[in-house]
Amino acid sequence: MPVAPVLLQVIRPLGFIGSQALLFGQPVLTLFADAQSLDELAALLDDPDALNQIERRLTDAGHPPA
């Protein structure tokens, strides 16, 4: 079983909290990543539809059509 879809299921309930934590910690986190990437990641974590789309793509990539 692929690990990435499982991890998405684990972080899905914490998406909003994770996005807010990224925004709150952004001044410190910009030492490790650029602000635009952090904003994009926060927006992704806050959008359940985007997480669903990523999960579908990962699942489809793991099971190529016959």
C-alpha atoms as a PDB file:
ATOM      1  CA  MET A   1       0.000   0.000   0.000  1.00  0.00           C
ATOM      2  CA  PRO A   2       1.424   3.420  -0.941  1.00  0.00           C
ATOM      3  CA  VAL A   3       2.381   5.612   1.993  1.00  0.00           C
ATOM      4  CA  ALA A   4       1.409   9.043   0.596  1.00  0.00           C
ATOM      5  CA  PRO A   5      -2.382   8.433   0.425  1.00  0.00           C
ATOM      6  CA  VAL A   6      -2.285   7.075   3.969  1.00  0.00           C
ATOM      7  CA  LEU A   7      -0.438  10.174   5.173  1.00  0.00           C
ATOM      8  CA  LEU A   8      -3.029  12.363   3.469  1.00  0.00           C
ATOM      9  CA  GLN A   9      -5.749  10.563   5.414  1.00  0.00           C
ATOM     10  CA  VAL A  10      -3.839  11.203   8.631  1.00  0.00           C
ATOM     11  CA  ILE A  11      -3.263  14.935   8.048  1.00  0.00           C
ATOM     12  CA  ARG A  12      -6.727  15.659   6.587  1.00  0.00           C
ATOM     13  CA  PRO A  13      -8.410  16.316   9.979  1.00  0.00           C
ATOM     14  CA  LEU A  14      -5.481  18.502  11.006  1.00  0.00           C
ATOM     15  CA  GLY A  15      -5.353  20.480   7.747  1.00  0.00           C
ATOM     16  CA  PHE A  16      -6.885  23.674   9.095  1.00  0.00           C
ATOM     17  CA  ILE A  17      -4.782  23.611  12.254  1.00  0.00           C
ATOM     18  CA  GLY A  18      -1.648  22.892  10.204  1.00  0.00           C
ATOM     19  CA  SER A  19      -2.365  25.763   7.816  1.00  0.00           C
ATOM     20  CA  GLN A  20      -2.853  28.168  10.684  1.00  0.00           C
ATOM     21  CA  ALA A  21       0.337  26.946  12.374  1.00  0.00           C
ATOM     22  CA  LEU A  22       2.257  27.559   9.137  1.00  0.00           C
ATOM     23  CA  LEU A  23       0.897  31.082   8.882  1.00  0.00           C
ATOM     24  CA  PHE A  24       1.625  31.767  12.545  1.00  0.00           C
ATOM     25  CA  GLY A  25       5.175  30.406  12.303  1.00  0.00           C
ATOM     26  CA  GLN A  26       5.899  31.910   8.899  1.00  0.00           C
ATOM     27  CA  PRO A  27       8.355  34.553  10.171  1.00  0.00           C
ATOM     28  CA  VAL A  28      10.585  31.828  11.609  1.00  0.00           C
ATOM     29  CA  LEU A  29       9.927  29.264   8.874  1.00  0.00           C
ATOM     30  CA  THR A  30      11.101  31.668   6.162  1.00  0.00           C
ATOM     31  CA  LEU A  31      14.610  30.859   7.359  1.00  0.00           C
ATOM     32  CA  PHE A  32      14.099  27.395   5.830  1.00  0.00           C
ATOM     33  CA  ALA A  33      11.655  28.030   2.954  1.00  0.00           C
ATOM     34  CA  ASP A  34      10.453  31.008   0.941  1.00  0.00           C
ATOM     35  CA  ALA A  35       7.245  32.770   2.008  1.00  0.00           C
ATOM     36  CA  GLN A  36       5.396  31.978  -1.216  1.00  0.00           C
ATOM     37  CA  SER A  37       5.928  28.217  -0.772  1.00  0.00           C
ATOM     38  CA  LEU A  38       4.696  28.431   2.812  1.00  0.00           C
ATOM     39  CA  ASP A  39       1.591  30.354   1.699  1.00  0.00           C
ATOM     40  CA  GLU A  40       0.877  27.766  -0.995  1.00  0.00           C
ATOM     41  CA  LEU A  41       1.295  24.886   1.447  1.00  0.00           C
ATOM     42  CA  ALA A  42      -0.987  26.593   3.993  1.00  0.00           C
ATOM     43  CA  ALA A  43      -3.636  27.134   1.300  1.00  0.00           C
ATOM     44  CA  LEU A  44      -3.336  23.500   0.228  1.00  0.00           C
ATOM     45  CA  LEU A  45      -3.749  22.190   3.770  1.00  0.00           C
ATOM     46  CA  ASP A  46      -6.789  24.429   4.259  1.00  0.00           C
ATOM     47  CA  ASP A  47      -8.546  23.187   1.090  1.00  0.00           C
ATOM     48  CA  PRO A  48     -10.192  19.747   1.461  1.00  0.00           C
ATOM     49  CA  ASP A  49     -10.973  19.595  -2.277  1.00  0.00           C
ATOM     50  CA  ALA A  50      -7.296  20.041  -3.118  1.00  0.00           C
ATOM     51  CA  LEU A  51      -6.354  17.256  -0.702  1.00  0.00           C
ATOM     52  CA  ASN A  52      -8.991  15.004  -2.319  1.00  0.00           C
ATOM     53  CA  GLN A  53      -7.579  15.754  -5.765  1.00  0.00           C
ATOM     54  CA  ILE A  54      -4.017  14.969  -4.654  1.00  0.00           C
ATOM     55  CA  GLU A  55      -5.190  11.717  -3.075  1.00  0.00           C
ATOM     56  CA  ARG A  56      -6.995  10.696  -6.287  1.00  0.00           C
ATOM     57  CA  ARG A  57      -3.911  11.450  -8.396  1.00  0.00           C
ATOM     58  CA  LEU A  58      -1.645   9.479  -6.083  1.00  0.00           C
ATOM     59  CA  THR A  59      -4.045   6.562  -6.021  1.00  0.00           C
ATOM     60  CA  ASP A  60      -4.395   6.613  -9.811  1.00  0.00           C
ATOM     61  CA  ALA A  61      -0.613   6.798 -10.230  1.00  0.00           C
ATOM     62  CA  GLY A  62      -0.197   3.734  -8.042  1.00  0.00           C
ATOM     63  CA  HIS A  63      -2.657   1.712 -10.094  1.00  0.00           C
ATOM     64  CA  PRO A  64      -2.055   2.240 -13.811  1.00  0.00           C
ATOM     65  CA  PRO A  65      -4.897   1.242 -16.142  1.00  0.00           C
ATOM     66  CA  ALA A  66      -4.820  -2.353 -17.401  1.00  0.00           C
END
